[in-house]
Amino acid sequence: MSNDTKPVVCATDLREGSDEAVRQADALARSIGAPLHVLHVLPNALRHHPLFPQLYPQETFDLAALEGRVCDTVSERVAALTGRNVDSFRAEVDTGTPYAVIVRRAEELNAEVLVVGGGQGAAPGTSRIGDTAEKAVRHAHCPVLVARPGPADGRVLVATDLSNSSLPAVVAGAEWARREGKRLTVLYVIGLQVSTLGYGLEIPPVFTDLSADATGEMTRWAEERIDAALRRLQADGERRVETGVPADVILRIAAELPAGLVAIGTAGLTGISRMLLGSVAEEVVRKAPCSVLVTRLRPDR
């Protein structure tokens, strides 16, 4: 393995919900031959006191000691969850606003994928992702895997609107299915209409009831586009074209297959527009019954 191989970066808060993220990050790193880098962030609540600067040196010393102890805890937990030797991965503890540190370190490390915990234990179809993980998904430049338990033999479901911003998800989903030996389903939902208000801000998608002729024409168009994409990628996969409210259809198909992973794309934008993930992708990330891989079309590519 070369030193310039991009790492799989995993964020953990040392709670049970993050354990699945560690396990999936480990499996992904082994599968693609990448280094594993695990990060824990201590909230920056008592970094310094402006009114009592003389206390800062002692706090700095105490913080360094605390970071060292927490780093040992992270290493022990990762080793227990993955069976790795502590020398075979990198554990790091940093201090600051958790999502901001996670995004910054993923960027500095040039992460291949950032893995965050998706939460578990909530009723199906309800929001299960934590605030830190959701913000990391919104702001990260690299692909983000939101890790949740799923069926071992689950399919890879790619949800695409066949726009440029969704193409990386098709590529990533096809590669994932091939690498893991999973069956691939590529889904297009008729009814997704997105327009912009400027500055990259999107109007939420709305469903439009189409005539039978229009639906048939859209179905043929989507099937041709999906078939062409699969041929370019030399990938075997099932194509599905459904009609309905996009997020609802994606979540329903993911449960029916069942899917072990949903891959979905979103535009790679900067500035204020990075605060919007897109209402369809955001709802899928929050409510999917399995892991979700979010890819972004970067503007420099």
C-alpha atoms as a PDB file:
ATOM      1  CA  MET A   1       0.000   0.000   0.000  1.00  0.00           C
ATOM      2  CA  SER A   2       1.483   3.337  -1.012  1.00  0.00           C
ATOM      3  CA  ASN A   3       1.719   6.243   1.390  1.00  0.00           C
ATOM      4  CA  ASP A   4      -0.394   8.435  -0.884  1.00  0.00           C
ATOM      5  CA  THR A   5      -3.408   6.099  -0.778  1.00  0.00           C
ATOM      6  CA  LYS A   6      -6.469   8.046   0.284  1.00  0.00           C
ATOM      7  CA  PRO A   7      -7.716   6.934   3.703  1.00  0.00           C
ATOM      8  CA  VAL A   8     -11.164   5.949   4.844  1.00  0.00           C
ATOM      9  CA  VAL A   9     -11.904   8.424   7.640  1.00  0.00           C
ATOM     10  CA  CYS A  10     -14.388   7.408  10.325  1.00  0.00           C
ATOM     11  CA  ALA A  11     -15.877   9.745  12.920  1.00  0.00           C
ATOM     12  CA  THR A  12     -16.868   8.205  16.246  1.00  0.00           C
ATOM     13  CA  ASP A  13     -18.394   9.672  19.391  1.00  0.00           C
ATOM     14  CA  LEU A  14     -17.650   6.427  21.277  1.00  0.00           C
ATOM     15  CA  ARG A  15     -21.353   5.671  21.618  1.00  0.00           C
ATOM     16  CA  GLU A  16     -23.050   2.498  20.452  1.00  0.00           C
ATOM     17  CA  GLY A  17     -24.437   4.218  17.359  1.00  0.00           C
ATOM     18  CA  SER A  18     -20.910   4.914  16.141  1.00  0.00           C
ATOM     19  CA  ASP A  19     -19.814   1.305  16.469  1.00  0.00           C
ATOM     20  CA  GLU A  20     -21.538   0.394  13.199  1.00  0.00           C
ATOM     21  CA  ALA A  21     -19.680   3.247  11.500  1.00  0.00           C
ATOM     22  CA  VAL A  22     -16.370   1.849  12.759  1.00  0.00           C
ATOM     23  CA  ARG A  23     -17.216  -1.658  11.578  1.00  0.00           C
ATOM     24  CA  GLN A  24     -18.283  -0.482   8.115  1.00  0.00           C
ATOM     25  CA  ALA A  25     -15.299   1.863   7.789  1.00  0.00           C
ATOM     26  CA  ASP A  26     -12.998  -1.036   8.622  1.00  0.00           C
ATOM     27  CA  ALA A  27     -14.692  -3.318   6.084  1.00  0.00           C
ATOM     28  CA  LEU A  28     -14.536  -0.625   3.394  1.00  0.00           C
ATOM     29  CA  ALA A  29     -10.875   0.160   4.083  1.00  0.00           C
ATOM     30  CA  ARG A  30      -9.956  -3.528   3.838  1.00  0.00           C
ATOM     31  CA  SER A  31     -12.032  -3.947   0.673  1.00  0.00           C
ATOM     32  CA  ILE A  32     -10.401  -1.085  -1.230  1.00  0.00           C
ATOM     33  CA  GLY A  33      -6.943  -1.426   0.332  1.00  0.00           C
ATOM     34  CA  ALA A  34      -7.025   1.958   2.047  1.00  0.00           C
ATOM     35  CA  PRO A  35      -5.654   3.135   5.390  1.00  0.00           C
ATOM     36  CA  LEU A  36      -8.184   3.507   8.230  1.00  0.00           C
ATOM     37  CA  HIS A  37      -8.219   6.779  10.159  1.00  0.00           C
ATOM     38  CA  VAL A  38     -10.592   7.083  13.134  1.00  0.00           C
ATOM     39  CA  LEU A  39     -11.385  10.502  14.594  1.00  0.00           C
ATOM     40  CA  HIS A  40     -13.046  11.544  17.849  1.00  0.00           C
ATOM     41  CA  VAL A  41     -13.780  15.203  18.597  1.00  0.00           C
ATOM     42  CA  LEU A  42     -13.949  16.665  22.080  1.00  0.00           C
ATOM     43  CA  PRO A  43     -16.321  19.655  22.257  1.00  0.00           C
ATOM     44  CA  ASN A  44     -14.434  22.910  22.681  1.00  0.00           C
ATOM     45  CA  ALA A  45     -16.441  24.140  25.681  1.00  0.00           C
ATOM     46  CA  LEU A  46     -13.584  25.177  27.980  1.00  0.00           C
ATOM     47  CA  ARG A  47     -10.735  25.914  25.596  1.00  0.00           C
ATOM     48  CA  HIS A  48      -9.805  29.170  27.310  1.00  0.00           C
ATOM     49  CA  HIS A  49     -11.133  31.928  29.549  1.00  0.00           C
ATOM     50  CA  PRO A  50     -10.622  35.451  28.084  1.00  0.00           C
ATOM     51  CA  LEU A  51     -11.080  36.953  31.564  1.00  0.00           C
ATOM     52  CA  PHE A  52      -8.593  34.557  33.190  1.00  0.00           C
ATOM     53  CA  PRO A  53      -5.756  33.998  30.673  1.00  0.00           C
ATOM     54  CA  GLN A  54      -3.456  32.791  33.458  1.00  0.00           C
ATOM     55  CA  LEU A  55      -5.556  29.604  33.610  1.00  0.00           C
ATOM     56  CA  TYR A  56      -4.956  28.710  29.977  1.00  0.00           C
ATOM     57  CA  PRO A  57      -1.533  27.007  30.327  1.00  0.00           C
ATOM     58  CA  GLN A  58      -2.911  24.620  32.941  1.00  0.00           C
ATOM     59  CA  GLU A  59      -6.016  23.953  30.829  1.00  0.00           C
ATOM     60  CA  THR A  60      -3.808  23.246  27.824  1.00  0.00           C
ATOM     61  CA  PHE A  61      -1.826  20.716  29.829  1.00  0.00           C
ATOM     62  CA  ASP A  62      -5.008  19.090  31.150  1.00  0.00           C
ATOM     63  CA  LEU A  63      -6.550  19.016  27.667  1.00  0.00           C
ATOM     64  CA  ALA A  64      -3.478  17.325  26.207  1.00  0.00           C
ATOM     65  CA  ALA A  65      -3.635  14.676  28.925  1.00  0.00           C
ATOM     66  CA  LEU A  66      -7.352  14.189  28.350  1.00  0.00           C
ATOM     67  CA  GLU A  67      -6.867  13.861  24.590  1.00  0.00           C
ATOM     68  CA  GLY A  68      -4.219  11.213  25.201  1.00  0.00           C
ATOM     69  CA  ARG A  69      -6.503   9.176  27.448  1.00  0.00           C
ATOM     70  CA  VAL A  70      -9.431   9.464  25.050  1.00  0.00           C
ATOM     71  CA  CYS A  71      -7.192   8.469  22.123  1.00  0.00           C
ATOM     72  CA  ASP A  72      -6.229   5.295  24.002  1.00  0.00           C
ATOM     73  CA  THR A  73      -9.927   4.585  24.536  1.00  0.00           C
ATOM     74  CA  VAL A  74     -10.659   5.113  20.827  1.00  0.00           C
ATOM     75  CA  SER A  75      -7.815   2.777  19.850  1.00  0.00           C
ATOM     76  CA  GLU A  76      -9.008   0.066  22.224  1.00  0.00           C
ATOM     77  CA  ARG A  77     -12.590   0.318  20.997  1.00  0.00           C
ATOM     78  CA  VAL A  78     -11.635   0.207  17.318  1.00  0.00           C
ATOM     79  CA  ALA A  79      -9.378  -2.785  17.925  1.00  0.00           C
ATOM     80  CA  ALA A  80     -12.157  -4.612  19.793  1.00  0.00           C
ATOM     81  CA  LEU A  81     -14.728  -3.881  17.064  1.00  0.00           C
ATOM     82  CA  THR A  82     -12.540  -4.722  14.079  1.00  0.00           C
ATOM     83  CA  GLY A  83      -9.981  -7.251  15.306  1.00  0.00           C
ATOM     84  CA  ARG A  84      -7.202  -4.960  14.087  1.00  0.00           C
ATOM     85  CA  ASN A  85      -3.879  -4.469  15.790  1.00  0.00           C
ATOM     86  CA  VAL A  86      -3.642  -0.913  17.156  1.00  0.00           C
ATOM     87  CA  ASP A  87      -0.693  -0.295  14.841  1.00  0.00           C
ATOM     88  CA  SER A  88      -2.749  -1.038  11.733  1.00  0.00           C
ATOM     89  CA  PHE A  89      -4.914   2.094  11.913  1.00  0.00           C
ATOM     90  CA  ARG A  90      -4.613   5.704  12.997  1.00  0.00           C
ATOM     91  CA  ALA A  91      -6.641   7.024  15.940  1.00  0.00           C
ATOM     92  CA  GLU A  92      -6.870  10.756  16.472  1.00  0.00           C
ATOM     93  CA  VAL A  93      -8.540  13.024  19.014  1.00  0.00           C
ATOM     94  CA  ASP A  94      -9.122  16.691  18.275  1.00  0.00           C
ATOM     95  CA  THR A  95     -10.996  19.520  19.955  1.00  0.00           C
ATOM     96  CA  GLY A  96     -13.572  21.885  18.534  1.00  0.00           C
ATOM     97  CA  THR A  97     -17.033  21.958  17.018  1.00  0.00           C
ATOM     98  CA  PRO A  98     -17.466  18.277  16.094  1.00  0.00           C
ATOM     99  CA  TYR A  99     -18.915  18.526  12.575  1.00  0.00           C
ATOM    100  CA  ALA A 100     -16.509  21.315  11.593  1.00  0.00           C
ATOM    101  CA  VAL A 101     -13.463  19.366  12.797  1.00  0.00           C
ATOM    102  CA  ILE A 102     -14.679  16.197  11.086  1.00  0.00           C
ATOM    103  CA  VAL A 103     -15.164  17.973   7.755  1.00  0.00           C
ATOM    104  CA  ARG A 104     -11.843  19.824   8.048  1.00  0.00           C
ATOM    105  CA  ARG A 105      -9.832  16.717   8.873  1.00  0.00           C
ATOM    106  CA  ALA A 106     -11.493  14.723   6.079  1.00  0.00           C
ATOM    107  CA  GLU A 107     -10.470  17.478   3.682  1.00  0.00           C
ATOM    108  CA  GLU A 108      -6.911  17.709   5.054  1.00  0.00           C
ATOM    109  CA  LEU A 109      -6.491  13.939   4.854  1.00  0.00           C
ATOM    110  CA  ASN A 110      -7.964  13.885   1.323  1.00  0.00           C
ATOM    111  CA  ALA A 111     -10.357  11.173   2.462  1.00  0.00           C
ATOM    112  CA  GLU A 112     -11.589   8.619  -0.032  1.00  0.00           C
ATOM    113  CA  VAL A 113     -14.783   8.302   2.009  1.00  0.00           C
ATOM    114  CA  LEU A 114     -15.938   9.824   5.292  1.00  0.00           C
ATOM    115  CA  VAL A 115     -17.956   7.399   7.433  1.00  0.00           C
ATOM    116  CA  VAL A 116     -20.384   8.640  10.090  1.00  0.00           C
ATOM    117  CA  GLY A 117     -22.935   6.867  12.246  1.00  0.00           C
ATOM    118  CA  GLY A 118     -26.517   6.949  11.046  1.00  0.00           C
ATOM    119  CA  GLY A 119     -28.156   6.188  14.364  1.00  0.00           C
ATOM    120  CA  GLN A 120     -30.238   3.156  15.223  1.00  0.00           C
ATOM    121  CA  GLY A 121     -33.076   2.072  17.406  1.00  0.00           C
ATOM    122  CA  ALA A 122     -35.718   4.488  16.099  1.00  0.00           C
ATOM    123  CA  ALA A 123     -38.884   3.349  14.358  1.00  0.00           C
ATOM    124  CA  PRO A 124     -38.544   2.765  10.599  1.00  0.00           C
ATOM    125  CA  GLY A 125     -39.227   5.847   8.534  1.00  0.00           C
ATOM    126  CA  THR A 126     -38.350   8.306  11.284  1.00  0.00           C
ATOM    127  CA  SER A 127     -35.351  10.619  11.494  1.00  0.00           C
ATOM    128  CA  ARG A 128     -32.412   8.686  12.931  1.00  0.00           C
ATOM    129  CA  ILE A 129     -29.311  10.694  12.036  1.00  0.00           C
ATOM    130  CA  GLY A 130     -27.640  12.913  14.614  1.00  0.00           C
ATOM    131  CA  ASP A 131     -27.044  16.621  14.148  1.00  0.00           C
ATOM    132  CA  THR A 132     -23.250  16.266  13.859  1.00  0.00           C
ATOM    133  CA  ALA A 133     -23.517  13.504  11.262  1.00  0.00           C
ATOM    134  CA  GLU A 134     -26.117  15.405   9.245  1.00  0.00           C
ATOM    135  CA  LYS A 135     -23.972  18.550   9.168  1.00  0.00           C
ATOM    136  CA  ALA A 136     -20.944  16.498   8.156  1.00  0.00           C
ATOM    137  CA  VAL A 137     -22.922  15.062   5.238  1.00  0.00           C
ATOM    138  CA  ARG A 138     -24.004  18.557   4.181  1.00  0.00           C
ATOM    139  CA  HIS A 139     -20.576  20.141   4.269  1.00  0.00           C
ATOM    140  CA  ALA A 140     -18.083  17.397   3.375  1.00  0.00           C
ATOM    141  CA  HIS A 141     -16.387  17.597  -0.024  1.00  0.00           C
ATOM    142  CA  CYS A 142     -15.791  13.837  -0.273  1.00  0.00           C
ATOM    143  CA  PRO A 143     -18.323  10.990  -0.446  1.00  0.00           C
ATOM    144  CA  VAL A 144     -19.966  10.305   2.915  1.00  0.00           C
ATOM    145  CA  LEU A 145     -21.166   6.897   4.073  1.00  0.00           C
ATOM    146  CA  VAL A 146     -23.929   7.136   6.672  1.00  0.00           C
ATOM    147  CA  ALA A 147     -23.591   3.727   8.327  1.00  0.00           C
ATOM    148  CA  ARG A 148     -26.555   1.745   9.596  1.00  0.00           C
ATOM    149  CA  PRO A 149     -27.067  -1.998  10.112  1.00  0.00           C
ATOM    150  CA  GLY A 150     -28.593  -3.685   7.076  1.00  0.00           C
ATOM    151  CA  PRO A 151     -29.192  -7.121   5.581  1.00  0.00           C
ATOM    152  CA  ALA A 152     -25.983  -8.969   4.776  1.00  0.00           C
ATOM    153  CA  ASP A 153     -27.297  -9.986   1.356  1.00  0.00           C
ATOM    154  CA  GLY A 154     -28.997  -6.650   0.655  1.00  0.00           C
ATOM    155  CA  ARG A 155     -28.814  -5.064  -2.783  1.00  0.00           C
ATOM    156  CA  VAL A 156     -27.089  -1.855  -3.756  1.00  0.00           C
ATOM    157  CA  LEU A 157     -29.793   0.622  -4.730  1.00  0.00           C
ATOM    158  CA  VAL A 158     -28.731   3.654  -6.760  1.00  0.00           C
ATOM    159  CA  ALA A 159     -31.291   6.453  -6.786  1.00  0.00           C
ATOM    160  CA  THR A 160     -30.695   8.789  -9.718  1.00  0.00           C
ATOM    161  CA  ASP A 161     -32.488  11.657 -11.429  1.00  0.00           C
ATOM    162  CA  LEU A 162     -30.107  11.128 -14.393  1.00  0.00           C
ATOM    163  CA  SER A 163     -28.663  14.628 -13.959  1.00  0.00           C
ATOM    164  CA  ASN A 164     -24.916  15.312 -13.937  1.00  0.00           C
ATOM    165  CA  SER A 165     -24.898  15.623 -10.149  1.00  0.00           C
ATOM    166  CA  SER A 166     -26.312  12.105  -9.783  1.00  0.00           C
ATOM    167  CA  LEU A 167     -23.757  10.400 -12.049  1.00  0.00           C
ATOM    168  CA  PRO A 168     -21.090   9.901  -9.339  1.00  0.00           C
ATOM    169  CA  ALA A 169     -23.684   7.952  -7.343  1.00  0.00           C
ATOM    170  CA  VAL A 170     -24.264   5.603 -10.290  1.00  0.00           C
ATOM    171  CA  VAL A 171     -20.515   5.054 -10.655  1.00  0.00           C
ATOM    172  CA  ALA A 172     -20.007   4.570  -6.905  1.00  0.00           C
ATOM    173  CA  GLY A 173     -22.980   2.241  -6.578  1.00  0.00           C
ATOM    174  CA  ALA A 174     -21.869   0.090  -9.513  1.00  0.00           C
ATOM    175  CA  GLU A 175     -18.332  -0.129  -8.131  1.00  0.00           C
ATOM    176  CA  TRP A 176     -19.637  -1.028  -4.663  1.00  0.00           C
ATOM    177  CA  ALA A 177     -21.878  -3.770  -6.048  1.00  0.00           C
ATOM    178  CA  ARG A 178     -19.060  -5.225  -8.152  1.00  0.00           C
ATOM    179  CA  ARG A 179     -16.532  -5.101  -5.330  1.00  0.00           C
ATOM    180  CA  GLU A 180     -18.840  -6.618  -2.716  1.00  0.00           C
ATOM    181  CA  GLY A 181     -20.519  -9.098  -5.039  1.00  0.00           C
ATOM    182  CA  LYS A 182     -23.946  -7.531  -4.504  1.00  0.00           C
ATOM    183  CA  ARG A 183     -26.860  -7.211  -6.913  1.00  0.00           C
ATOM    184  CA  LEU A 184     -27.372  -3.710  -8.315  1.00  0.00           C
ATOM    185  CA  THR A 185     -30.629  -1.848  -8.876  1.00  0.00           C
ATOM    186  CA  VAL A 186     -30.701   1.587 -10.539  1.00  0.00           C
ATOM    187  CA  LEU A 187     -33.868   3.539  -9.805  1.00  0.00           C
ATOM    188  CA  TYR A 188     -35.340   6.571 -11.549  1.00  0.00           C
ATOM    189  CA  VAL A 189     -38.514   8.172 -10.186  1.00  0.00           C
ATOM    190  CA  ILE A 190     -40.785  10.061 -12.562  1.00  0.00           C
ATOM    191  CA  GLY A 191     -42.042  13.165 -10.822  1.00  0.00           C
ATOM    192  CA  LEU A 192     -38.796  14.826  -9.762  1.00  0.00           C
ATOM    193  CA  GLN A 193     -38.809  18.431 -10.913  1.00  0.00           C
ATOM    194  CA  VAL A 194     -36.149  20.749  -9.523  1.00  0.00           C
ATOM    195  CA  SER A 195     -35.576  24.385 -10.388  1.00  0.00           C
ATOM    196  CA  THR A 196     -33.295  26.964  -8.844  1.00  0.00           C
ATOM    197  CA  LEU A 197     -33.788  30.356  -7.299  1.00  0.00           C
ATOM    198  CA  GLY A 198     -30.235  31.502  -7.958  1.00  0.00           C
ATOM    199  CA  TYR A 199     -27.171  31.079  -5.738  1.00  0.00           C
ATOM    200  CA  GLY A 200     -27.629  27.317  -6.235  1.00  0.00           C
ATOM    201  CA  LEU A 201     -30.684  27.224  -3.969  1.00  0.00           C
ATOM    202  CA  GLU A 202     -33.210  24.591  -5.019  1.00  0.00           C
ATOM    203  CA  ILE A 203     -36.980  24.632  -4.839  1.00  0.00           C
ATOM    204  CA  PRO A 204     -38.081  21.384  -3.159  1.00  0.00           C
ATOM    205  CA  PRO A 205     -39.026  18.710  -5.697  1.00  0.00           C
ATOM    206  CA  VAL A 206     -42.726  18.346  -6.425  1.00  0.00           C
ATOM    207  CA  PHE A 207     -44.654  15.474  -7.955  1.00  0.00           C
ATOM    208  CA  THR A 208     -46.593  16.176 -11.127  1.00  0.00           C
ATOM    209  CA  ASP A 209     -49.350  13.797 -12.239  1.00  0.00           C
ATOM    210  CA  LEU A 210     -48.539  12.972 -15.876  1.00  0.00           C
ATOM    211  CA  SER A 211     -50.713  11.504 -18.583  1.00  0.00           C
ATOM    212  CA  ALA A 212     -50.276   7.843 -19.529  1.00  0.00           C
ATOM    213  CA  ASP A 213     -48.555   8.829 -22.787  1.00  0.00           C
ATOM    214  CA  ALA A 214     -46.185  11.209 -21.044  1.00  0.00           C
ATOM    215  CA  THR A 215     -45.414   8.617 -18.370  1.00  0.00           C
ATOM    216  CA  GLY A 216     -44.669   5.994 -21.023  1.00  0.00           C
ATOM    217  CA  GLU A 217     -42.367   8.369 -22.881  1.00  0.00           C
ATOM    218  CA  MET A 218     -40.536   9.312 -19.687  1.00  0.00           C
ATOM    219  CA  THR A 219     -40.196   5.634 -18.784  1.00  0.00           C
ATOM    220  CA  ARG A 220     -38.627   4.743 -22.137  1.00  0.00           C
ATOM    221  CA  TRP A 221     -36.271   7.730 -21.929  1.00  0.00           C
ATOM    222  CA  ALA A 222     -35.145   6.797 -18.400  1.00  0.00           C
ATOM    223  CA  GLU A 223     -34.670   3.117 -19.267  1.00  0.00           C
ATOM    224  CA  GLU A 224     -32.494   4.048 -22.249  1.00  0.00           C
ATOM    225  CA  ARG A 225     -30.383   6.381 -20.129  1.00  0.00           C
ATOM    226  CA  ILE A 226     -29.937   3.799 -17.371  1.00  0.00           C
ATOM    227  CA  ASP A 227     -29.032   1.062 -19.883  1.00  0.00           C
ATOM    228  CA  ALA A 228     -26.470   3.366 -21.507  1.00  0.00           C
ATOM    229  CA  ALA A 229     -24.905   4.176 -18.132  1.00  0.00           C
ATOM    230  CA  LEU A 230     -24.675   0.498 -17.190  1.00  0.00           C
ATOM    231  CA  ARG A 231     -23.049  -0.312 -20.534  1.00  0.00           C
ATOM    232  CA  ARG A 232     -20.458   2.453 -20.057  1.00  0.00           C
ATOM    233  CA  LEU A 233     -19.669   1.121 -16.612  1.00  0.00           C
ATOM    234  CA  GLN A 234     -19.708  -2.503 -17.824  1.00  0.00           C
ATOM    235  CA  ALA A 235     -22.022  -3.221 -14.913  1.00  0.00           C
ATOM    236  CA  ASP A 236     -24.812  -5.740 -14.568  1.00  0.00           C
ATOM    237  CA  GLY A 237     -27.867  -4.298 -12.909  1.00  0.00           C
ATOM    238  CA  GLU A 238     -31.627  -4.143 -12.779  1.00  0.00           C
ATOM    239  CA  ARG A 239     -33.235  -0.904 -13.912  1.00  0.00           C
ATOM    240  CA  ARG A 240     -36.421   0.327 -12.343  1.00  0.00           C
ATOM    241  CA  VAL A 241     -38.553   3.320 -13.287  1.00  0.00           C
ATOM    242  CA  GLU A 242     -41.272   4.222 -10.825  1.00  0.00           C
ATOM    243  CA  THR A 243     -43.807   7.029 -10.511  1.00  0.00           C
ATOM    244  CA  GLY A 244     -44.434   8.926  -7.297  1.00  0.00           C
ATOM    245  CA  VAL A 245     -42.953  11.280  -4.759  1.00  0.00           C
ATOM    246  CA  PRO A 246     -39.191  10.629  -5.143  1.00  0.00           C
ATOM    247  CA  ALA A 247     -38.070  10.297  -1.516  1.00  0.00           C
ATOM    248  CA  ASP A 248     -41.085   8.152  -0.631  1.00  0.00           C
ATOM    249  CA  VAL A 249     -40.474   5.830  -3.592  1.00  0.00           C
ATOM    250  CA  ILE A 250     -36.751   5.484  -2.855  1.00  0.00           C
ATOM    251  CA  LEU A 251     -37.409   4.604   0.779  1.00  0.00           C
ATOM    252  CA  ARG A 252     -40.136   2.129  -0.181  1.00  0.00           C
ATOM    253  CA  ILE A 253     -37.965   0.353  -2.766  1.00  0.00           C
ATOM    254  CA  ALA A 254     -35.036   0.239  -0.329  1.00  0.00           C
ATOM    255  CA  ALA A 255     -37.229  -1.558   2.185  1.00  0.00           C
ATOM    256  CA  GLU A 256     -38.800  -3.901  -0.388  1.00  0.00           C
ATOM    257  CA  LEU A 257     -35.604  -5.149  -2.077  1.00  0.00           C
ATOM    258  CA  PRO A 258     -34.229  -5.051   0.658  1.00  0.00           C
ATOM    259  CA  ALA A 259     -31.226  -2.787   0.125  1.00  0.00           C
ATOM    260  CA  GLY A 260     -28.020  -2.961   2.137  1.00  0.00           C
ATOM    261  CA  LEU A 261     -26.851   0.345   0.680  1.00  0.00           C
ATOM    262  CA  VAL A 262     -28.536   3.293  -1.017  1.00  0.00           C
ATOM    263  CA  ALA A 263     -26.263   5.474  -3.179  1.00  0.00           C
ATOM    264  CA  ILE A 264     -27.542   8.941  -3.981  1.00  0.00           C
ATOM    265  CA  GLY A 265     -25.907  12.025  -5.475  1.00  0.00           C
ATOM    266  CA  THR A 266     -26.146  15.716  -4.761  1.00  0.00           C
ATOM    267  CA  ALA A 267     -24.619  18.797  -6.358  1.00  0.00           C
ATOM    268  CA  GLY A 268     -21.156  19.817  -5.155  1.00  0.00           C
ATOM    269  CA  LEU A 269     -21.586  23.496  -4.443  1.00  0.00           C
ATOM    270  CA  THR A 270     -19.814  26.107  -2.382  1.00  0.00           C
ATOM    271  CA  GLY A 271     -20.842  28.968  -0.167  1.00  0.00           C
ATOM    272  CA  ILE A 272     -24.405  29.310   1.076  1.00  0.00           C
ATOM    273  CA  SER A 273     -25.698  26.575  -1.203  1.00  0.00           C
ATOM    274  CA  ARG A 274     -23.554  23.947   0.560  1.00  0.00           C
ATOM    275  CA  MET A 275     -25.953  24.285   3.489  1.00  0.00           C
ATOM    276  CA  LEU A 276     -28.634  22.564   1.409  1.00  0.00           C
ATOM    277  CA  LEU A 277     -28.201  18.900   0.700  1.00  0.00           C
ATOM    278  CA  GLY A 278     -31.333  18.744  -1.419  1.00  0.00           C
ATOM    279  CA  SER A 279     -34.653  17.680   0.032  1.00  0.00           C
ATOM    280  CA  VAL A 280     -34.753  14.217  -1.584  1.00  0.00           C
ATOM    281  CA  ALA A 281     -31.203  13.246  -0.588  1.00  0.00           C
ATOM    282  CA  GLU A 282     -31.685  14.712   2.866  1.00  0.00           C
ATOM    283  CA  GLU A 283     -34.859  12.730   3.538  1.00  0.00           C
ATOM    284  CA  VAL A 284     -33.243   9.519   2.292  1.00  0.00           C
ATOM    285  CA  VAL A 285     -30.209  10.099   4.521  1.00  0.00           C
ATOM    286  CA  ARG A 286     -32.455  10.666   7.520  1.00  0.00           C
ATOM    287  CA  LYS A 287     -34.919   7.823   7.020  1.00  0.00           C
ATOM    288  CA  ALA A 288     -33.306   5.023   4.995  1.00  0.00           C
ATOM    289  CA  PRO A 289     -33.485   1.566   6.624  1.00  0.00           C
ATOM    290  CA  CYS A 290     -29.862   0.876   5.653  1.00  0.00           C
ATOM    291  CA  SER A 291     -26.567   2.636   4.989  1.00  0.00           C
ATOM    292  CA  VAL A 292     -26.563   5.575   2.578  1.00  0.00           C
ATOM    293  CA  LEU A 293     -23.622   6.659   0.412  1.00  0.00           C
ATOM    294  CA  VAL A 294     -23.862  10.336  -0.547  1.00  0.00           C
ATOM    295  CA  THR A 295     -21.696  11.444  -3.461  1.00  0.00           C
ATOM    296  CA  ARG A 296     -21.175  14.973  -4.701  1.00  0.00           C
ATOM    297  CA  LEU A 297     -20.337  16.305  -8.142  1.00  0.00           C
ATOM    298  CA  ARG A 298     -17.482  18.653  -7.378  1.00  0.00           C
ATOM    299  CA  PRO A 299     -17.403  21.873  -9.392  1.00  0.00           C
ATOM    300  CA  ASP A 300     -13.690  21.458 -10.159  1.00  0.00           C
ATOM    301  CA  ARG A 301     -14.300  18.184 -12.043  1.00  0.00           C
END
